[in-house]
Amino acid sequence: MALCSVCSQPAGFLATVCQPCQKDQAEIAEKRSRENAEAHKAERAALIAEEKARISQEVSGGGVLYLHKTEFVPVDSSLGDVDFKPNRYDDTAVRIAGLEGWRVVGVVPKTFGTALINNEGFNKVWGGGVGGAVIGAYVLLELEVSSRNYARLESDISEYLEGAFN
């Protein structure tokens, strides 16, 4: 029987660490993990507060900053026998964002491609491929932050920073 590499007591069959030492090591690892998580949370909160103060100072001095986000807009689409039924065109999120002051600054299409297969009896043979069928679009949005709208957007800026510093 092997001895424990931590306390030199019998470790058990094919074990290098005994049960009590394994338990102690697990408790120590869990404590370190909690401490690291708490330190990370405090560091993150400080970073967010620092960035928010920087933004406030920038816009109060006449500067302009921009928030950016992306919304996905599904598009009705079909390709041969493949019908993308779940993708009903829905630009509601973009329209609501526009009412909140966001503007569209770009669009990136999401495409679909597939191999075409020829069935010859029991054989399946590659017959080519097709791609580039647009099944949706990523709409890139931008929101201007200035001294005129900073107070109104303060909670949005906090939410934005929370998501940015995950």
N, C-alpha and C. Protein backbone atom coordinates (compact mmCIF):
# COMPACT_ATOMS: atom_id res chain seq x y z
N MET A 1 0.85 -1.17 0.00
CA MET A 1 0.00 0.00 0.00
C MET A 1 0.90 1.23 0.00
N ALA A 2 0.55 2.21 -0.84
CA ALA A 2 1.34 3.43 -0.97
C ALA A 2 1.05 4.37 0.19
N LEU A 3 2.02 5.23 0.46
CA LEU A 3 1.85 6.23 1.51
C LEU A 3 1.39 7.55 0.90
N CYS A 4 0.64 8.30 1.70
CA CYS A 4 0.14 9.61 1.27
C CYS A 4 1.31 10.55 1.04
N SER A 5 1.30 11.25 -0.09
CA SER A 5 2.38 12.18 -0.42
C SER A 5 2.32 13.45 0.42
N VAL A 6 1.24 13.64 1.17
CA VAL A 6 1.10 14.84 2.00
C VAL A 6 1.48 14.55 3.45
N CYS A 7 0.89 13.48 4.04
CA CYS A 7 1.08 13.22 5.47
C CYS A 7 1.84 11.93 5.77
N SER A 8 2.21 11.17 4.77
CA SER A 8 2.95 9.90 4.90
C SER A 8 2.18 8.81 5.61
N GLN A 9 0.88 8.90 5.72
CA GLN A 9 0.02 7.84 6.26
C GLN A 9 -0.39 6.93 5.10
N PRO A 10 -0.91 5.74 5.36
CA PRO A 10 -1.36 4.88 4.27
C PRO A 10 -2.44 5.59 3.42
N ALA A 11 -2.24 5.56 2.12
CA ALA A 11 -3.11 6.29 1.21
C ALA A 11 -4.23 5.44 0.65
N GLY A 12 -4.08 4.15 0.63
CA GLY A 12 -5.08 3.28 0.04
C GLY A 12 -4.56 2.70 -1.27
N PHE A 13 -5.28 1.74 -1.79
CA PHE A 13 -4.85 1.04 -2.99
C PHE A 13 -4.79 1.98 -4.19
N LEU A 14 -3.61 2.06 -4.83
CA LEU A 14 -3.34 2.88 -6.00
C LEU A 14 -3.59 4.38 -5.80
N ALA A 15 -3.61 4.84 -4.57
CA ALA A 15 -3.82 6.26 -4.29
C ALA A 15 -2.50 6.89 -3.88
N THR A 16 -2.35 8.17 -4.16
CA THR A 16 -1.14 8.89 -3.74
C THR A 16 -1.43 9.86 -2.60
N VAL A 17 -2.72 10.14 -2.36
CA VAL A 17 -3.12 11.03 -1.28
C VAL A 17 -4.27 10.35 -0.52
N CYS A 18 -4.20 10.36 0.81
CA CYS A 18 -5.24 9.72 1.62
C CYS A 18 -6.52 10.55 1.63
N GLN A 19 -7.61 9.94 2.06
CA GLN A 19 -8.92 10.59 2.06
C GLN A 19 -8.94 11.87 2.90
N PRO A 20 -8.43 11.89 4.13
CA PRO A 20 -8.45 13.13 4.91
C PRO A 20 -7.66 14.27 4.23
N CYS A 21 -6.53 13.95 3.63
CA CYS A 21 -5.74 14.97 2.93
C CYS A 21 -6.44 15.46 1.67
N GLN A 22 -7.13 14.55 0.96
CA GLN A 22 -7.91 14.95 -0.21
C GLN A 22 -9.00 15.94 0.18
N LYS A 23 -9.66 15.65 1.33
CA LYS A 23 -10.72 16.53 1.82
C LYS A 23 -10.14 17.90 2.17
N ASP A 24 -9.00 17.90 2.88
CA ASP A 24 -8.35 19.16 3.25
C ASP A 24 -7.95 19.97 2.01
N GLN A 25 -7.39 19.29 1.02
CA GLN A 25 -6.97 19.96 -0.21
C GLN A 25 -8.18 20.54 -0.95
N ALA A 26 -9.29 19.81 -0.96
CA ALA A 26 -10.50 20.30 -1.62
C ALA A 26 -11.04 21.54 -0.90
N GLU A 27 -11.01 21.55 0.42
CA GLU A 27 -11.48 22.71 1.19
C GLU A 27 -10.58 23.93 0.93
N ILE A 28 -9.28 23.70 0.88
CA ILE A 28 -8.34 24.79 0.61
C ILE A 28 -8.57 25.35 -0.80
N ALA A 29 -8.77 24.47 -1.77
CA ALA A 29 -9.02 24.91 -3.15
C ALA A 29 -10.32 25.70 -3.25
N GLU A 30 -11.36 25.26 -2.53
CA GLU A 30 -12.64 25.96 -2.56
C GLU A 30 -12.51 27.34 -1.91
N LYS A 31 -11.75 27.42 -0.81
CA LYS A 31 -11.53 28.71 -0.14
C LYS A 31 -10.78 29.67 -1.06
N ARG A 32 -9.75 29.18 -1.73
CA ARG A 32 -8.99 30.02 -2.68
C ARG A 32 -9.89 30.49 -3.82
N SER A 33 -10.74 29.61 -4.30
CA SER A 33 -11.64 29.96 -5.39
C SER A 33 -12.59 31.07 -4.97
N ARG A 34 -13.16 30.96 -3.75
CA ARG A 34 -14.05 32.01 -3.23
C ARG A 34 -13.29 33.33 -3.10
N GLU A 35 -12.07 33.28 -2.56
CA GLU A 35 -11.27 34.50 -2.39
C GLU A 35 -10.95 35.13 -3.75
N ASN A 36 -10.61 34.31 -4.72
CA ASN A 36 -10.32 34.81 -6.07
C ASN A 36 -11.56 35.44 -6.69
N ALA A 37 -12.71 34.81 -6.49
CA ALA A 37 -13.96 35.34 -7.05
C ALA A 37 -14.30 36.69 -6.41
N GLU A 38 -14.11 36.80 -5.11
CA GLU A 38 -14.38 38.06 -4.41
C GLU A 38 -13.42 39.15 -4.87
N ALA A 39 -12.15 38.79 -5.03
CA ALA A 39 -11.15 39.77 -5.50
C ALA A 39 -11.48 40.22 -6.92
N HIS A 40 -11.87 39.28 -7.76
CA HIS A 40 -12.24 39.60 -9.14
C HIS A 40 -13.45 40.53 -9.17
N LYS A 41 -14.44 40.25 -8.31
CA LYS A 41 -15.65 41.06 -8.26
C LYS A 41 -15.31 42.50 -7.83
N ALA A 42 -14.46 42.64 -6.83
CA ALA A 42 -14.07 43.97 -6.36
C ALA A 42 -13.26 44.71 -7.42
N GLU A 43 -12.37 44.00 -8.09
CA GLU A 43 -11.55 44.59 -9.15
C GLU A 43 -12.43 45.04 -10.31
N ARG A 44 -13.40 44.23 -10.65
CA ARG A 44 -14.32 44.56 -11.74
C ARG A 44 -15.16 45.79 -11.40
N ALA A 45 -15.67 45.85 -10.16
CA ALA A 45 -16.48 46.99 -9.72
C ALA A 45 -15.64 48.28 -9.77
N ALA A 46 -14.38 48.19 -9.35
CA ALA A 46 -13.51 49.36 -9.37
C ALA A 46 -13.24 49.80 -10.81
N LEU A 47 -13.03 48.86 -11.69
CA LEU A 47 -12.76 49.16 -13.09
C LEU A 47 -13.98 49.83 -13.74
N ILE A 48 -15.18 49.32 -13.44
CA ILE A 48 -16.40 49.90 -13.99
C ILE A 48 -16.60 51.33 -13.47
N ALA A 49 -16.38 51.53 -12.17
CA ALA A 49 -16.54 52.87 -11.58
C ALA A 49 -15.53 53.84 -12.19
N GLU A 50 -14.31 53.37 -12.39
CA GLU A 50 -13.26 54.21 -13.00
C GLU A 50 -13.63 54.59 -14.44
N GLU A 51 -14.12 53.63 -15.19
CA GLU A 51 -14.50 53.89 -16.59
C GLU A 51 -15.70 54.82 -16.66
N LYS A 52 -16.66 54.64 -15.77
CA LYS A 52 -17.84 55.52 -15.76
C LYS A 52 -17.43 56.95 -15.41
N ALA A 53 -16.51 57.11 -14.47
CA ALA A 53 -16.01 58.45 -14.11
C ALA A 53 -15.28 59.08 -15.29
N ARG A 54 -14.52 58.27 -16.02
CA ARG A 54 -13.80 58.78 -17.19
C ARG A 54 -14.78 59.25 -18.27
N ILE A 55 -15.84 58.47 -18.48
CA ILE A 55 -16.85 58.84 -19.48
C ILE A 55 -17.54 60.14 -19.07
N SER A 56 -17.91 60.23 -17.80
CA SER A 56 -18.57 61.43 -17.30
C SER A 56 -17.70 62.66 -17.49
N GLN A 57 -16.43 62.52 -17.16
CA GLN A 57 -15.49 63.64 -17.31
C GLN A 57 -15.33 64.03 -18.79
N GLU A 58 -15.25 63.04 -19.65
CA GLU A 58 -15.08 63.30 -21.09
C GLU A 58 -16.26 64.06 -21.66
N VAL A 59 -17.48 63.60 -21.36
CA VAL A 59 -18.65 64.27 -21.94
C VAL A 59 -18.93 65.61 -21.27
N SER A 60 -18.62 65.76 -20.00
CA SER A 60 -18.85 67.05 -19.34
C SER A 60 -17.87 68.10 -19.87
N GLY A 61 -16.75 67.65 -20.43
CA GLY A 61 -15.78 68.55 -21.04
C GLY A 61 -16.08 68.83 -22.51
N GLY A 62 -17.24 68.38 -22.99
CA GLY A 62 -17.63 68.65 -24.38
C GLY A 62 -17.31 67.52 -25.34
N GLY A 63 -16.74 66.44 -24.86
CA GLY A 63 -16.42 65.31 -25.73
C GLY A 63 -17.65 64.49 -26.09
N VAL A 64 -17.49 63.68 -27.10
CA VAL A 64 -18.56 62.79 -27.55
C VAL A 64 -18.00 61.38 -27.58
N LEU A 65 -18.75 60.44 -27.02
CA LEU A 65 -18.37 59.03 -27.02
C LEU A 65 -19.50 58.23 -27.65
N TYR A 66 -19.21 56.98 -27.99
CA TYR A 66 -20.21 56.14 -28.64
C TYR A 66 -20.30 54.80 -27.95
N LEU A 67 -21.53 54.34 -27.77
CA LEU A 67 -21.79 52.98 -27.33
C LEU A 67 -22.13 52.18 -28.58
N HIS A 68 -21.74 50.91 -28.60
CA HIS A 68 -22.03 50.06 -29.76
C HIS A 68 -22.66 48.76 -29.29
N LYS A 69 -23.57 48.26 -30.10
CA LYS A 69 -24.17 46.95 -29.84
C LYS A 69 -24.58 46.33 -31.16
N THR A 70 -24.88 45.06 -31.10
CA THR A 70 -25.29 44.31 -32.29
C THR A 70 -26.62 43.64 -32.01
N GLU A 71 -27.52 43.74 -32.95
CA GLU A 71 -28.81 43.04 -32.88
C GLU A 71 -28.88 42.09 -34.08
N PHE A 72 -29.37 40.88 -33.84
CA PHE A 72 -29.54 39.94 -34.94
C PHE A 72 -30.97 40.04 -35.47
N VAL A 73 -31.10 40.16 -36.77
CA VAL A 73 -32.40 40.21 -37.42
C VAL A 73 -32.54 38.98 -38.31
N PRO A 74 -33.44 38.06 -37.96
CA PRO A 74 -33.65 36.89 -38.81
C PRO A 74 -34.37 37.28 -40.10
N VAL A 75 -34.12 36.52 -41.15
CA VAL A 75 -34.71 36.80 -42.47
C VAL A 75 -35.40 35.54 -42.97
N ASP A 76 -36.61 35.71 -43.54
CA ASP A 76 -37.28 34.57 -44.17
C ASP A 76 -36.39 34.06 -45.29
N SER A 77 -36.13 32.77 -45.32
CA SER A 77 -35.21 32.25 -46.32
C SER A 77 -35.46 30.77 -46.54
N SER A 78 -35.18 30.31 -47.75
CA SER A 78 -35.20 28.88 -48.03
C SER A 78 -34.14 28.60 -49.08
N LEU A 79 -33.63 27.39 -49.05
CA LEU A 79 -32.58 26.99 -49.97
C LEU A 79 -32.89 25.55 -50.39
N GLY A 80 -33.42 25.39 -51.59
CA GLY A 80 -33.79 24.05 -52.04
C GLY A 80 -34.85 23.46 -51.12
N ASP A 81 -34.53 22.31 -50.55
CA ASP A 81 -35.45 21.63 -49.64
C ASP A 81 -35.35 22.16 -48.21
N VAL A 82 -34.36 22.99 -47.94
CA VAL A 82 -34.16 23.50 -46.59
C VAL A 82 -34.93 24.81 -46.45
N ASP A 83 -35.89 24.81 -45.55
CA ASP A 83 -36.68 26.01 -45.29
C ASP A 83 -36.39 26.47 -43.87
N PHE A 84 -36.00 27.69 -43.71
CA PHE A 84 -35.64 28.22 -42.41
C PHE A 84 -36.88 28.83 -41.75
N LYS A 85 -37.85 27.98 -41.45
CA LYS A 85 -39.13 28.42 -40.89
C LYS A 85 -38.97 29.20 -39.58
N PRO A 86 -38.06 28.81 -38.65
CA PRO A 86 -37.98 29.56 -37.40
C PRO A 86 -37.53 31.02 -37.62
N ASN A 87 -36.93 31.29 -38.77
CA ASN A 87 -36.40 32.62 -39.03
C ASN A 87 -37.46 33.52 -39.67
N ARG A 88 -38.38 33.98 -38.90
CA ARG A 88 -39.35 34.95 -39.38
C ARG A 88 -38.71 36.33 -39.29
N TYR A 89 -38.87 37.11 -40.31
CA TYR A 89 -38.29 38.45 -40.30
C TYR A 89 -38.83 39.24 -39.10
N ASP A 90 -37.91 39.76 -38.30
CA ASP A 90 -38.32 40.51 -37.10
C ASP A 90 -37.26 41.55 -36.77
N ASP A 91 -37.54 42.79 -37.11
CA ASP A 91 -36.60 43.87 -36.83
C ASP A 91 -37.05 44.74 -35.65
N THR A 92 -37.89 44.19 -34.80
CA THR A 92 -38.44 44.94 -33.67
C THR A 92 -37.34 45.54 -32.79
N ALA A 93 -36.33 44.76 -32.47
CA ALA A 93 -35.26 45.25 -31.58
C ALA A 93 -34.54 46.44 -32.20
N VAL A 94 -34.34 46.42 -33.50
CA VAL A 94 -33.66 47.53 -34.18
C VAL A 94 -34.55 48.77 -34.18
N ARG A 95 -35.85 48.58 -34.43
CA ARG A 95 -36.77 49.72 -34.44
C ARG A 95 -36.87 50.36 -33.06
N ILE A 96 -36.92 49.54 -32.02
CA ILE A 96 -36.98 50.07 -30.65
C ILE A 96 -35.68 50.80 -30.32
N ALA A 97 -34.55 50.22 -30.71
CA ALA A 97 -33.25 50.87 -30.48
C ALA A 97 -33.20 52.23 -31.17
N GLY A 98 -33.77 52.33 -32.35
CA GLY A 98 -33.81 53.61 -33.06
C GLY A 98 -34.58 54.66 -32.29
N LEU A 99 -35.66 54.25 -31.65
CA LEU A 99 -36.44 55.18 -30.85
C LEU A 99 -35.69 55.63 -29.59
N GLU A 100 -34.70 54.82 -29.19
CA GLU A 100 -33.89 55.16 -28.02
C GLU A 100 -32.64 55.95 -28.39
N GLY A 101 -32.47 56.23 -29.69
CA GLY A 101 -31.34 57.05 -30.13
C GLY A 101 -30.23 56.29 -30.82
N TRP A 102 -30.32 54.98 -30.90
CA TRP A 102 -29.30 54.18 -31.59
C TRP A 102 -29.48 54.36 -33.09
N ARG A 103 -28.38 54.36 -33.82
CA ARG A 103 -28.47 54.43 -35.28
C ARG A 103 -27.70 53.27 -35.90
N VAL A 104 -28.16 52.84 -37.05
CA VAL A 104 -27.52 51.72 -37.76
C VAL A 104 -26.25 52.24 -38.43
N VAL A 105 -25.13 51.56 -38.16
CA VAL A 105 -23.87 51.96 -38.78
C VAL A 105 -23.28 50.86 -39.65
N GLY A 106 -23.91 49.69 -39.65
CA GLY A 106 -23.41 48.62 -40.50
C GLY A 106 -24.30 47.40 -40.40
N VAL A 107 -24.17 46.54 -41.39
CA VAL A 107 -24.92 45.29 -41.43
C VAL A 107 -23.98 44.20 -41.92
N VAL A 108 -23.98 43.07 -41.21
CA VAL A 108 -23.17 41.93 -41.60
C VAL A 108 -24.13 40.76 -41.84
N PRO A 109 -24.21 40.28 -43.07
CA PRO A 109 -25.15 39.18 -43.34
C PRO A 109 -24.67 37.86 -42.74
N LYS A 110 -25.63 37.07 -42.29
CA LYS A 110 -25.34 35.71 -41.86
C LYS A 110 -25.83 34.80 -42.97
N THR A 111 -24.94 33.97 -43.47
CA THR A 111 -25.29 33.14 -44.62
C THR A 111 -25.28 31.67 -44.26
N PHE A 112 -25.85 30.87 -45.14
CA PHE A 112 -25.92 29.43 -44.97
C PHE A 112 -25.43 28.77 -46.25
N GLY A 113 -24.71 27.71 -46.09
CA GLY A 113 -24.26 26.93 -47.23
C GLY A 113 -24.38 25.45 -46.93
N THR A 114 -24.48 24.66 -47.96
CA THR A 114 -24.61 23.22 -47.76
C THR A 114 -24.04 22.48 -48.96
N ALA A 115 -23.69 21.23 -48.72
CA ALA A 115 -23.24 20.36 -49.82
C ALA A 115 -24.45 19.80 -50.55
N LEU A 116 -24.32 19.67 -51.86
CA LEU A 116 -25.37 19.06 -52.66
C LEU A 116 -24.97 17.61 -52.91
N ILE A 117 -25.89 16.70 -52.63
CA ILE A 117 -25.61 15.27 -52.72
C ILE A 117 -26.44 14.67 -53.85
N ASN A 118 -25.79 13.88 -54.69
CA ASN A 118 -26.48 13.12 -55.72
C ASN A 118 -26.69 11.70 -55.20
N ASN A 119 -27.93 11.24 -55.20
CA ASN A 119 -28.25 9.88 -54.78
C ASN A 119 -28.31 8.99 -56.00
N GLU A 120 -27.45 7.97 -56.02
CA GLU A 120 -27.43 7.00 -57.11
C GLU A 120 -27.61 5.62 -56.51
N GLY A 121 -28.84 5.17 -56.44
CA GLY A 121 -29.12 3.89 -55.80
C GLY A 121 -28.84 4.00 -54.31
N PHE A 122 -27.93 3.10 -53.84
CA PHE A 122 -27.56 3.14 -52.43
C PHE A 122 -26.38 4.06 -52.18
N ASN A 123 -25.82 4.61 -53.23
CA ASN A 123 -24.64 5.47 -53.10
C ASN A 123 -25.04 6.94 -53.01
N LYS A 124 -24.28 7.65 -52.23
CA LYS A 124 -24.45 9.09 -52.16
C LYS A 124 -23.13 9.70 -52.61
N VAL A 125 -23.22 10.57 -53.60
CA VAL A 125 -22.02 11.17 -54.19
C VAL A 125 -22.12 12.68 -54.07
N TRP A 126 -21.03 13.28 -53.68
CA TRP A 126 -20.99 14.73 -53.58
C TRP A 126 -21.26 15.31 -54.95
N GLY A 127 -22.17 16.27 -55.02
CA GLY A 127 -22.54 16.83 -56.31
C GLY A 127 -22.20 18.30 -56.44
N GLY A 128 -21.58 18.86 -55.42
CA GLY A 128 -21.25 20.28 -55.46
C GLY A 128 -21.66 20.93 -54.16
N GLY A 129 -21.72 22.20 -54.18
CA GLY A 129 -22.11 22.93 -52.97
C GLY A 129 -22.75 24.25 -53.34
N VAL A 130 -23.51 24.75 -52.43
CA VAL A 130 -24.14 26.04 -52.63
C VAL A 130 -23.99 26.81 -51.31
N GLY A 131 -23.79 28.08 -51.42
CA GLY A 131 -23.63 28.89 -50.22
C GLY A 131 -24.03 30.32 -50.48
N GLY A 132 -24.01 31.09 -49.44
CA GLY A 132 -24.32 32.49 -49.57
C GLY A 132 -25.78 32.83 -49.44
N ALA A 133 -26.61 31.87 -49.05
CA ALA A 133 -28.02 32.17 -48.84
C ALA A 133 -28.14 32.94 -47.53
N VAL A 134 -28.67 34.15 -47.61
CA VAL A 134 -28.78 35.00 -46.42
C VAL A 134 -29.93 34.50 -45.56
N ILE A 135 -29.62 34.18 -44.29
CA ILE A 135 -30.66 33.72 -43.36
C ILE A 135 -30.88 34.72 -42.22
N GLY A 136 -30.11 35.78 -42.22
CA GLY A 136 -30.26 36.80 -41.19
C GLY A 136 -29.18 37.86 -41.37
N ALA A 137 -29.19 38.83 -40.47
CA ALA A 137 -28.19 39.88 -40.53
C ALA A 137 -27.89 40.39 -39.13
N TYR A 138 -26.63 40.66 -38.90
CA TYR A 138 -26.22 41.31 -37.67
C TYR A 138 -26.21 42.81 -37.95
N VAL A 139 -27.05 43.55 -37.23
CA VAL A 139 -27.17 44.98 -37.44
C VAL A 139 -26.31 45.66 -36.36
N LEU A 140 -25.32 46.43 -36.81
CA LEU A 140 -24.42 47.11 -35.91
C LEU A 140 -25.00 48.48 -35.59
N LEU A 141 -25.17 48.76 -34.30
CA LEU A 141 -25.82 49.99 -33.86
C LEU A 141 -24.85 50.84 -33.04
N GLU A 142 -25.08 52.14 -33.09
CA GLU A 142 -24.22 53.08 -32.39
C GLU A 142 -25.10 54.13 -31.70
N LEU A 143 -24.71 54.49 -30.48
CA LEU A 143 -25.43 55.51 -29.73
C LEU A 143 -24.44 56.58 -29.28
N GLU A 144 -24.72 57.80 -29.67
CA GLU A 144 -23.84 58.92 -29.30
C GLU A 144 -24.14 59.35 -27.86
N VAL A 145 -23.06 59.52 -27.08
CA VAL A 145 -23.17 59.99 -25.70
C VAL A 145 -22.47 61.33 -25.62
N SER A 146 -23.22 62.34 -25.24
CA SER A 146 -22.66 63.69 -25.10
C SER A 146 -23.21 64.32 -23.83
N SER A 147 -22.82 65.54 -23.56
CA SER A 147 -23.31 66.23 -22.37
C SER A 147 -24.81 66.44 -22.43
N ARG A 148 -25.38 66.49 -23.63
CA ARG A 148 -26.82 66.70 -23.79
C ARG A 148 -27.64 65.51 -23.30
N ASN A 149 -27.13 64.29 -23.48
CA ASN A 149 -27.93 63.12 -23.14
C ASN A 149 -27.31 62.23 -22.07
N TYR A 150 -26.20 62.65 -21.47
CA TYR A 150 -25.51 61.79 -20.50
C TYR A 150 -26.40 61.45 -19.31
N ALA A 151 -27.08 62.42 -18.74
CA ALA A 151 -27.93 62.16 -17.56
C ALA A 151 -29.02 61.14 -17.89
N ARG A 152 -29.63 61.24 -19.06
CA ARG A 152 -30.68 60.32 -19.47
C ARG A 152 -30.14 58.91 -19.71
N LEU A 153 -28.89 58.83 -20.18
CA LEU A 153 -28.30 57.54 -20.55
C LEU A 153 -27.45 56.92 -19.44
N GLU A 154 -27.39 57.54 -18.29
CA GLU A 154 -26.49 57.06 -17.24
C GLU A 154 -26.72 55.59 -16.87
N SER A 155 -27.97 55.18 -16.73
CA SER A 155 -28.24 53.78 -16.40
C SER A 155 -27.88 52.86 -17.57
N ASP A 156 -28.11 53.33 -18.81
CA ASP A 156 -27.73 52.54 -19.99
C ASP A 156 -26.21 52.37 -20.06
N ILE A 157 -25.49 53.42 -19.71
CA ILE A 157 -24.03 53.36 -19.72
C ILE A 157 -23.54 52.37 -18.68
N SER A 158 -24.16 52.38 -17.50
CA SER A 158 -23.78 51.42 -16.45
C SER A 158 -24.03 49.99 -16.91
N GLU A 159 -25.17 49.76 -17.54
CA GLU A 159 -25.50 48.42 -18.05
C GLU A 159 -24.51 48.01 -19.15
N TYR A 160 -24.17 48.95 -20.00
CA TYR A 160 -23.21 48.72 -21.08
C TYR A 160 -21.86 48.30 -20.50
N LEU A 161 -21.40 49.03 -19.48
CA LEU A 161 -20.11 48.73 -18.86
C LEU A 161 -20.14 47.40 -18.13
N GLU A 162 -21.25 47.07 -17.50
CA GLU A 162 -21.39 45.78 -16.82
C GLU A 162 -21.19 44.64 -17.82
N GLY A 163 -21.79 44.78 -18.99
CA GLY A 163 -21.64 43.75 -20.02
C GLY A 163 -20.26 43.74 -20.65
N ALA A 164 -19.62 44.90 -20.72
CA ALA A 164 -18.32 44.99 -21.36
C ALA A 164 -17.20 44.39 -20.50
N PHE A 165 -17.37 44.42 -19.19
CA PHE A 165 -16.31 43.95 -18.30
C PHE A 165 -16.71 42.65 -17.60
N ASN A 166 -17.11 41.67 -18.37
CA ASN A 166 -17.45 40.35 -17.81
C ASN A 166 -16.23 39.52 -17.62
